[in-house]
Amino acid sequence: MRRKLTLVVGALLGALTAGPLVVAPSTAAPAATRPSAAAPATFTHPGVLVGTAQLDLARGKVNSGAQPWKNAFDTMRTSKYASLSRTPKPRAVVECGSYSDPNYGCTDEREDALAAYTLSLAWYITRDSKYADKAIQIMDAWSVTIKDHTNSNAPLQTGWAGSSWPRAAEIIRYTYNDWPKDRIDRFAGMLRTVYLPKVINGSQSNGNWELSMMEAAVGISVFLEDPASYDKAIAKFRARVPAYIFLKSDGDLPKTAPGSGLDTRDKIIKYWQGQSAFVDGLTQETCRDFTHTGYGLSAISHIAETSRLQGQDLYPEVADRLRHALGFQATYELGTAPPSWLCGGSVKRGLGPVTEVGYNALHNRMRYEMTNTQKLTERQRPAGSNNLFVGWETLTHAENPS
């Protein structure tokens, strides 16, 4: 098992604004200088969303009965995703239309991928080989079967399932000795030929699509030790985050992603769900609903966490946007009535279990004050799964400095 120390960003001072401030028209600020997009010379394993030190801390907390980790683990272990009687349901072609209609293998694939990840976590914490063997059974069943994803939701479906598979595979490959090399190679071939081509070029759909697709691409690139794909995915991530979360320093209009075709004010406002007043932390999908917004914010946190584990910490680059976005959405998720200028005075709540990773990084490591995000995160513990690509983040990331 290869490990390397990752540098922890020193404490940075910052605070959330007390409330949203509507931005008057102004000249857009110049883009900040960004660090070079370079894959690590040596990839760290396991290193997709969770690393060895994080896993060890979670294991120690659970085994000592400490909360909230013990409750989080018990919730995970009793979920359907940790079942040792699970029968995988692979398909050669997974066909997913808009909102998974038609649904030919979409739910089965996502849930099998989440199960493989869940079982890998259960293996690491309990050291019970039955969990690792079941995770391998699921990954082997899919790697020998699947050939393609089709229909309109294929890129998003591939991104969701493709985010969970490498998390599971990283833990099993680098902490368990009984996954045969030929099956590891076959699984890697599946990721390289079936998943990576569907996600690596991104999407000009709603921002959560491209962010989820880049999460999958980054995780797959780590597992494959593919620096070119890693760099390409990180570059797209860096371009998409400023186009997904608004900061008042952006000017009177949000930034746009390269190739978006959003070249007029009217097009931008339409893309932002008709919202024309822009404030710190507003996202491109806030006025669509908080559920899809949660997908985007979760993927941002996951990519930043993986990059940190790989020695290229992107949290400082996205910190202001992410902390404001989490705080802004948390304010209304907690029940504050939206003002009339925001989404016509009505928001669709349902952010989901998506705050733990970003909150831990920004508040516990970087020392930002995040009052509303903290309140929401603690209220939702133990964070479960969204049944798509998020799972068990209180267990893996709550109060975890590693």
Protein backbone atom coordinates (compact mmCIF):
# COMPACT_ATOMS: atom_id res chain seq x y z
CA MET A 1 0.00 0.00 0.00
CA ARG A 2 1.43 3.32 -1.02
CA ARG A 3 0.86 6.26 1.22
CA LYS A 4 2.15 9.76 1.36
CA LEU A 5 1.65 12.62 3.68
CA THR A 6 -0.59 15.40 2.50
CA LEU A 7 -0.04 18.96 3.54
CA VAL A 8 -2.78 20.51 5.61
CA VAL A 9 -3.69 24.07 4.83
CA GLY A 10 -2.97 26.41 7.70
CA ALA A 11 -5.81 28.08 9.49
CA LEU A 12 -7.42 30.84 7.48
CA LEU A 13 -9.66 33.47 9.00
CA GLY A 14 -13.03 34.15 7.44
CA ALA A 15 -16.68 34.51 8.23
CA LEU A 16 -19.98 34.15 6.49
CA THR A 17 -21.87 37.33 5.85
CA ALA A 18 -24.83 37.85 8.14
CA GLY A 19 -27.22 37.82 5.20
CA PRO A 20 -27.31 37.96 1.44
CA LEU A 21 -26.43 41.22 -0.24
CA VAL A 22 -27.94 41.96 -3.63
CA VAL A 23 -25.17 42.96 -5.98
CA ALA A 24 -25.41 46.16 -7.99
CA PRO A 25 -24.09 46.09 -11.56
CA SER A 26 -20.31 46.39 -11.65
CA THR A 27 -17.32 45.41 -13.71
CA ALA A 28 -16.37 41.75 -13.30
CA ALA A 29 -13.24 41.19 -11.24
CA PRO A 30 -10.30 39.62 -13.04
CA ALA A 31 -9.95 35.88 -12.61
CA ALA A 32 -7.71 34.85 -9.75
CA THR A 33 -4.42 33.26 -10.57
CA ARG A 34 -4.82 29.51 -10.30
CA PRO A 35 -2.19 26.93 -9.40
CA SER A 36 -1.06 24.69 -12.22
CA ALA A 37 -3.22 21.68 -12.97
CA ALA A 38 -0.75 18.89 -12.47
CA ALA A 39 -1.49 15.31 -11.51
CA PRO A 40 0.65 13.97 -8.68
CA ALA A 41 3.93 12.37 -9.61
CA THR A 42 2.84 9.42 -7.49
CA PHE A 43 -0.83 8.78 -6.80
CA THR A 44 -1.85 8.13 -3.19
CA HIS A 45 -3.94 5.02 -2.44
CA PRO A 46 -6.53 4.66 -1.11
CA GLY A 47 -7.16 8.21 -2.19
CA VAL A 48 -10.64 8.77 -3.63
CA LEU A 49 -12.73 10.83 -1.18
CA VAL A 50 -11.28 8.94 1.80
CA GLY A 51 -7.67 8.16 2.68
CA THR A 52 -5.96 5.85 5.11
CA ALA A 53 -5.70 8.36 7.95
CA GLN A 54 -9.39 9.27 7.67
CA LEU A 55 -10.39 5.61 7.61
CA ASP A 56 -8.20 4.85 10.59
CA LEU A 57 -9.72 7.70 12.60
CA ALA A 58 -13.25 6.52 11.77
CA ARG A 59 -12.36 2.94 12.70
CA GLY A 60 -10.87 4.00 16.00
CA LYS A 61 -13.88 6.14 16.87
CA VAL A 62 -16.34 3.36 16.05
CA ASN A 63 -14.40 0.72 17.95
CA SER A 64 -14.24 2.97 21.02
CA GLY A 65 -17.98 3.69 20.83
CA ALA A 66 -17.47 7.41 20.26
CA GLN A 67 -20.29 9.50 18.83
CA PRO A 68 -21.39 10.45 16.24
CA TRP A 69 -19.24 7.84 14.50
CA LYS A 70 -20.63 4.76 16.26
CA ASN A 71 -24.22 5.74 15.46
CA ALA A 72 -23.20 6.55 11.88
CA PHE A 73 -21.58 3.14 11.49
CA ASP A 74 -24.55 1.29 12.99
CA THR A 75 -26.87 3.12 10.61
CA MET A 76 -24.68 2.18 7.67
CA ARG A 77 -24.25 -1.44 8.69
CA THR A 78 -28.01 -1.98 9.05
CA SER A 79 -28.77 -0.35 5.68
CA LYS A 80 -29.63 -2.36 2.59
CA TYR A 81 -26.29 -1.34 1.09
CA ALA A 82 -24.34 -3.33 3.69
CA SER A 83 -26.38 -6.52 3.27
CA LEU A 84 -24.27 -9.65 2.82
CA SER A 85 -27.17 -11.30 1.02
CA ARG A 86 -27.27 -8.68 -1.73
CA THR A 87 -27.44 -10.07 -5.26
CA PRO A 88 -25.88 -7.74 -7.86
CA LYS A 89 -27.98 -6.96 -10.92
CA PRO A 90 -25.55 -6.07 -13.72
CA ARG A 91 -26.67 -5.22 -17.26
CA ALA A 92 -24.75 -5.07 -20.49
CA VAL A 93 -26.51 -1.80 -21.39
CA VAL A 94 -27.91 0.55 -18.77
CA GLU A 95 -30.55 2.79 -20.35
CA CYS A 96 -31.58 5.92 -18.46
CA GLY A 97 -33.92 8.54 -19.85
CA SER A 98 -34.71 11.91 -18.30
CA TYR A 99 -35.36 11.49 -14.58
CA SER A 100 -34.48 7.79 -15.14
CA ASP A 101 -37.50 7.16 -17.36
CA PRO A 102 -37.02 4.64 -18.81
CA ASN A 103 -35.11 2.97 -16.01
CA TYR A 104 -33.39 -0.11 -17.38
CA GLY A 105 -30.76 -0.85 -14.79
CA CYS A 106 -30.27 2.74 -13.61
CA THR A 107 -31.30 2.21 -9.99
CA ASP A 108 -29.67 -1.22 -9.90
CA GLU A 109 -26.34 0.15 -11.09
CA ARG A 110 -26.27 3.14 -8.74
CA GLU A 111 -27.28 1.06 -5.75
CA ASP A 112 -24.84 -1.74 -6.51
CA ALA A 113 -22.04 0.83 -6.78
CA LEU A 114 -23.09 2.41 -3.48
CA ALA A 115 -23.29 -1.06 -1.94
CA ALA A 116 -19.74 -1.86 -3.04
CA TYR A 117 -18.55 1.36 -1.38
CA THR A 118 -20.61 0.71 1.76
CA LEU A 119 -19.28 -2.83 2.05
CA SER A 120 -15.72 -1.60 1.58
CA LEU A 121 -16.18 0.79 4.51
CA ALA A 122 -17.71 -2.00 6.60
CA TRP A 123 -14.71 -4.21 5.74
CA TYR A 124 -12.20 -1.55 6.76
CA ILE A 125 -13.82 -0.84 10.10
CA THR A 126 -14.69 -4.41 11.11
CA ARG A 127 -11.91 -6.32 9.29
CA ASP A 128 -14.58 -8.94 8.55
CA SER A 129 -13.58 -10.40 5.17
CA LYS A 130 -17.20 -11.22 4.34
CA TYR A 131 -17.78 -7.52 3.62
CA ALA A 132 -14.76 -7.26 1.34
CA ASP A 133 -15.71 -10.45 -0.51
CA LYS A 134 -19.24 -9.17 -1.09
CA ALA A 135 -17.91 -5.86 -2.41
CA ILE A 136 -15.65 -7.81 -4.79
CA GLN A 137 -18.56 -9.97 -5.92
CA ILE A 138 -20.54 -6.87 -6.88
CA MET A 139 -17.63 -5.19 -8.67
CA ASP A 140 -16.75 -8.40 -10.52
CA ALA A 141 -20.35 -8.93 -11.64
CA TRP A 142 -20.52 -5.50 -13.23
CA SER A 143 -17.04 -5.51 -14.72
CA VAL A 144 -17.72 -8.72 -16.64
CA THR A 145 -21.10 -7.52 -17.92
CA ILE A 146 -21.54 -3.82 -18.62
CA LYS A 147 -20.71 -2.42 -22.05
CA ASP A 148 -22.52 0.94 -22.33
CA HIS A 149 -24.89 3.58 -20.98
CA THR A 150 -27.57 4.96 -23.31
CA ASN A 151 -30.42 7.50 -23.57
CA SER A 152 -30.53 11.11 -22.42
CA ASN A 153 -29.39 10.66 -18.82
CA ALA A 154 -26.46 8.43 -19.74
CA PRO A 155 -23.75 11.03 -18.89
CA LEU A 156 -25.26 11.78 -15.48
CA GLN A 157 -25.93 8.12 -14.69
CA THR A 158 -22.35 7.28 -15.62
CA GLY A 159 -21.15 10.10 -13.38
CA TRP A 160 -23.18 8.95 -10.39
CA ALA A 161 -22.23 5.29 -10.56
CA GLY A 162 -18.73 6.19 -11.70
CA SER A 163 -18.23 8.26 -8.54
CA SER A 164 -18.97 5.34 -6.22
CA TRP A 165 -17.07 2.54 -8.03
CA PRO A 166 -13.53 3.91 -7.60
CA ARG A 167 -14.11 4.74 -3.92
CA ALA A 168 -14.94 1.11 -3.29
CA ALA A 169 -12.20 -0.24 -5.53
CA GLU A 170 -9.52 1.94 -3.95
CA ILE A 171 -10.27 0.65 -0.44
CA ILE A 172 -10.50 -2.99 -1.45
CA ARG A 173 -7.51 -2.98 -3.80
CA TYR A 174 -5.15 -1.34 -1.33
CA THR A 175 -6.32 -2.78 2.01
CA TYR A 176 -7.46 -6.34 1.16
CA ASN A 177 -5.30 -9.05 -0.36
CA ASP A 178 -7.85 -11.40 -1.91
CA TRP A 179 -9.06 -9.51 -4.99
CA PRO A 180 -7.32 -11.37 -7.83
CA LYS A 181 -5.18 -9.24 -10.12
CA ASP A 182 -6.98 -10.35 -13.29
CA ARG A 183 -10.28 -9.14 -11.82
CA ILE A 184 -8.74 -5.87 -10.68
CA ASP A 185 -7.47 -5.40 -14.23
CA ARG A 186 -10.90 -6.23 -15.65
CA PHE A 187 -12.53 -3.71 -13.31
CA ALA A 188 -9.97 -1.10 -14.33
CA GLY A 189 -10.77 -1.87 -17.96
CA MET A 190 -14.46 -1.29 -17.27
CA LEU A 191 -13.72 2.11 -15.77
CA ARG A 192 -11.43 3.03 -18.63
CA THR A 193 -13.63 1.94 -21.53
CA VAL A 194 -17.23 2.18 -20.28
CA TYR A 195 -17.20 5.02 -17.75
CA LEU A 196 -14.35 7.43 -18.43
CA PRO A 197 -15.22 8.22 -22.08
CA LYS A 198 -18.79 9.14 -21.08
CA VAL A 199 -17.73 11.69 -18.45
CA ILE A 200 -14.32 13.09 -19.30
CA ASN A 201 -15.50 15.66 -21.86
CA GLY A 202 -18.05 17.19 -19.50
CA SER A 203 -21.49 18.59 -20.18
CA GLN A 204 -23.16 21.91 -20.89
CA SER A 205 -26.32 20.78 -19.11
CA ASN A 206 -27.15 21.99 -15.59
CA GLY A 207 -24.02 22.43 -13.53
CA ASN A 208 -24.59 19.47 -11.25
CA TRP A 209 -24.23 17.21 -14.31
CA GLU A 210 -20.73 18.35 -15.16
CA LEU A 211 -19.62 18.45 -11.53
CA SER A 212 -20.82 14.88 -10.93
CA MET A 213 -19.21 13.77 -14.17
CA MET A 214 -15.91 15.37 -13.14
CA GLU A 215 -16.13 13.70 -9.74
CA ALA A 216 -16.33 10.35 -11.51
CA ALA A 217 -13.52 11.30 -13.90
CA VAL A 218 -11.21 12.37 -11.08
CA GLY A 219 -11.85 9.25 -9.02
CA ILE A 220 -11.42 6.96 -12.01
CA SER A 221 -8.21 8.75 -12.99
CA VAL A 222 -6.79 8.15 -9.52
CA PHE A 223 -7.64 4.45 -9.62
CA LEU A 224 -6.21 4.11 -13.13
CA GLU A 225 -3.23 6.33 -12.28
CA ASP A 226 -4.02 8.31 -15.43
CA PRO A 227 -2.43 11.78 -15.11
CA ALA A 228 -3.76 13.10 -18.42
CA SER A 229 -7.37 12.33 -17.53
CA TYR A 230 -6.85 13.64 -14.01
CA ASP A 231 -5.55 16.96 -15.34
CA LYS A 232 -8.38 17.26 -17.86
CA ALA A 233 -11.03 16.60 -15.22
CA ILE A 234 -9.51 19.03 -12.74
CA ALA A 235 -9.32 21.73 -15.41
CA LYS A 236 -13.02 21.32 -16.17
CA PHE A 237 -13.80 21.38 -12.46
CA ARG A 238 -11.92 24.65 -12.03
CA ALA A 239 -13.86 26.22 -14.87
CA ARG A 240 -17.24 24.93 -13.70
CA VAL A 241 -17.13 25.91 -10.00
CA PRO A 242 -17.05 29.68 -10.68
CA ALA A 243 -19.89 29.16 -13.17
CA TYR A 244 -21.95 27.30 -10.58
CA ILE A 245 -21.56 29.43 -7.43
CA PHE A 246 -21.81 33.21 -7.53
CA LEU A 247 -19.62 35.64 -5.59
CA LYS A 248 -20.20 39.37 -5.66
CA SER A 249 -16.62 39.80 -6.91
CA ASP A 250 -17.77 38.19 -10.18
CA GLY A 251 -19.55 41.42 -11.15
CA ASP A 252 -23.18 41.97 -12.05
CA LEU A 253 -23.60 38.59 -13.73
CA PRO A 254 -22.37 35.08 -12.95
CA LYS A 255 -19.38 33.64 -14.74
CA THR A 256 -19.99 31.13 -17.50
CA ALA A 257 -18.28 27.86 -18.31
CA PRO A 258 -16.16 27.68 -21.48
CA GLY A 259 -18.24 26.60 -24.45
CA SER A 260 -21.54 27.28 -22.73
CA GLY A 261 -22.84 29.68 -25.38
CA LEU A 262 -24.25 31.90 -22.61
CA ASP A 263 -23.20 35.15 -24.22
CA THR A 264 -26.06 37.50 -23.25
CA ARG A 265 -27.63 38.61 -19.98
CA ASP A 266 -30.96 37.06 -20.93
CA LYS A 267 -29.37 33.68 -21.64
CA ILE A 268 -27.50 33.73 -18.34
CA ILE A 269 -30.58 34.64 -16.33
CA LYS A 270 -32.59 31.91 -18.03
CA TYR A 271 -29.81 29.41 -17.26
CA TRP A 272 -29.93 30.53 -13.62
CA GLN A 273 -33.61 29.55 -13.45
CA GLY A 274 -34.85 33.11 -14.07
CA GLN A 275 -33.03 34.57 -11.06
CA SER A 276 -31.80 38.10 -11.81
CA ALA A 277 -30.52 39.24 -8.38
CA PHE A 278 -27.21 37.61 -7.56
CA VAL A 279 -25.72 37.22 -4.08
CA ASP A 280 -22.82 35.44 -2.43
CA GLY A 281 -23.52 31.70 -2.36
CA LEU A 282 -26.40 31.61 -4.85
CA THR A 283 -25.96 28.67 -7.21
CA GLN A 284 -27.01 28.12 -10.77
CA GLU A 285 -29.67 25.68 -9.50
CA THR A 286 -30.81 27.29 -6.23
CA CYS A 287 -34.06 28.41 -7.83
CA ARG A 288 -34.54 25.04 -9.51
CA ASP A 289 -34.48 23.15 -6.21
CA PHE A 290 -32.10 22.47 -3.35
CA THR A 291 -31.86 18.77 -4.18
CA HIS A 292 -30.05 19.33 -7.47
CA THR A 293 -28.04 22.11 -5.84
CA GLY A 294 -26.96 19.58 -3.24
CA TYR A 295 -25.69 17.28 -5.96
CA GLY A 296 -23.46 20.04 -7.28
CA LEU A 297 -22.14 21.15 -3.88
CA SER A 298 -21.47 17.54 -2.90
CA ALA A 299 -19.47 16.88 -6.06
CA ILE A 300 -17.43 20.06 -5.49
CA SER A 301 -16.58 18.92 -1.97
CA HIS A 302 -15.73 15.40 -3.13
CA ILE A 303 -13.39 16.56 -5.88
CA ALA A 304 -11.64 19.00 -3.56
CA GLU A 305 -11.25 16.24 -0.97
CA THR A 306 -9.76 13.82 -3.49
CA SER A 307 -7.38 16.48 -4.80
CA ARG A 308 -6.24 17.16 -1.23
CA LEU A 309 -5.52 13.47 -0.68
CA GLN A 310 -3.50 13.52 -3.90
CA GLY A 311 -1.35 16.37 -2.65
CA GLN A 312 -2.93 19.14 -4.75
CA ASP A 313 -5.23 20.92 -2.32
CA LEU A 314 -7.94 22.79 -4.23
CA TYR A 315 -9.93 23.82 -1.15
CA PRO A 316 -8.25 27.26 -0.89
CA GLU A 317 -9.24 27.91 -4.50
CA VAL A 318 -12.93 27.07 -3.99
CA ALA A 319 -13.26 27.91 -0.30
CA ASP A 320 -15.06 31.25 -0.62
CA ARG A 321 -17.58 29.94 -3.12
CA LEU A 322 -18.21 26.68 -1.32
CA ARG A 323 -18.54 28.13 2.18
CA HIS A 324 -20.95 30.82 0.99
CA ALA A 325 -22.97 28.31 -1.01
CA LEU A 326 -23.26 25.88 1.89
CA GLY A 327 -24.20 28.69 4.26
CA PHE A 328 -26.69 30.29 1.88
CA GLN A 329 -28.53 27.05 1.16
CA ALA A 330 -28.35 25.98 4.83
CA THR A 331 -30.05 29.21 5.91
CA TYR A 332 -33.18 28.40 3.95
CA GLU A 333 -32.97 24.64 4.44
CA LEU A 334 -33.22 25.35 8.17
CA GLY A 335 -36.54 27.09 7.56
CA THR A 336 -35.82 30.80 7.03
CA ALA A 337 -38.43 32.26 4.72
CA PRO A 338 -36.88 33.39 1.43
CA PRO A 339 -37.20 37.08 0.51
CA SER A 340 -39.28 38.07 -2.48
CA TRP A 341 -36.23 38.72 -4.67
CA LEU A 342 -35.03 35.12 -4.24
CA CYS A 343 -36.68 32.59 -6.54
CA GLY A 344 -39.89 34.62 -6.49
CA GLY A 345 -40.13 34.23 -2.72
CA SER A 346 -40.29 30.43 -2.76
CA VAL A 347 -37.61 27.73 -2.61
CA LYS A 348 -37.84 23.95 -2.91
CA ARG A 349 -35.95 22.52 0.03
CA GLY A 350 -34.35 19.11 0.26
CA LEU A 351 -30.59 19.70 0.19
CA GLY A 352 -29.80 16.15 1.27
CA PRO A 353 -26.91 14.66 3.32
CA VAL A 354 -24.29 16.67 1.46
CA THR A 355 -22.71 19.15 3.91
CA GLU A 356 -20.41 16.97 6.02
CA VAL A 357 -17.35 16.85 3.74
CA GLY A 358 -17.28 20.55 2.87
CA TYR A 359 -18.10 21.61 6.42
CA ASN A 360 -15.30 19.49 7.86
CA ALA A 361 -12.75 20.87 5.40
CA LEU A 362 -13.74 24.52 5.63
CA HIS A 363 -14.68 24.79 9.31
CA ASN A 364 -12.58 22.18 11.09
CA ARG A 365 -9.44 22.39 8.94
CA MET A 366 -9.51 25.93 7.57
CA ARG A 367 -11.30 27.51 10.56
CA TYR A 368 -14.05 29.37 8.75
CA GLU A 369 -17.04 30.29 10.87
CA MET A 370 -20.05 28.48 9.34
CA THR A 371 -22.89 28.84 11.84
CA ASN A 372 -25.83 27.78 9.67
CA THR A 373 -23.92 25.02 7.93
CA GLN A 374 -22.82 23.66 11.30
CA LYS A 375 -26.35 23.72 12.63
CA LEU A 376 -27.71 21.89 9.59
CA THR A 377 -24.86 19.37 9.52
CA GLU A 378 -25.25 18.47 13.18
CA ARG A 379 -29.04 18.30 12.88
CA GLN A 380 -28.78 15.80 10.01
CA ARG A 381 -26.32 13.45 11.71
CA PRO A 382 -25.74 10.70 11.07
CA ALA A 383 -25.72 11.58 7.38
CA GLY A 384 -26.95 8.62 5.34
CA SER A 385 -27.14 8.16 1.58
CA ASN A 386 -28.97 10.03 -1.14
CA ASN A 387 -29.23 6.70 -3.02
CA LEU A 388 -27.34 8.19 -5.96
CA PHE A 389 -23.68 8.83 -5.14
CA VAL A 390 -23.49 10.15 -1.57
CA GLY A 391 -23.10 7.90 1.44
CA TRP A 392 -22.10 7.77 5.12
CA GLU A 393 -20.17 11.02 5.36
CA THR A 394 -20.65 11.50 9.09
CA LEU A 395 -18.76 8.24 9.51
CA THR A 396 -15.95 9.18 7.14
CA HIS A 397 -15.62 12.95 7.56
CA ALA A 398 -17.21 14.24 10.77
CA GLU A 399 -14.63 16.15 12.83
CA ASN A 400 -11.91 14.38 10.84
CA PRO A 401 -8.70 16.45 10.61
CA SER A 402 -6.80 13.83 8.59
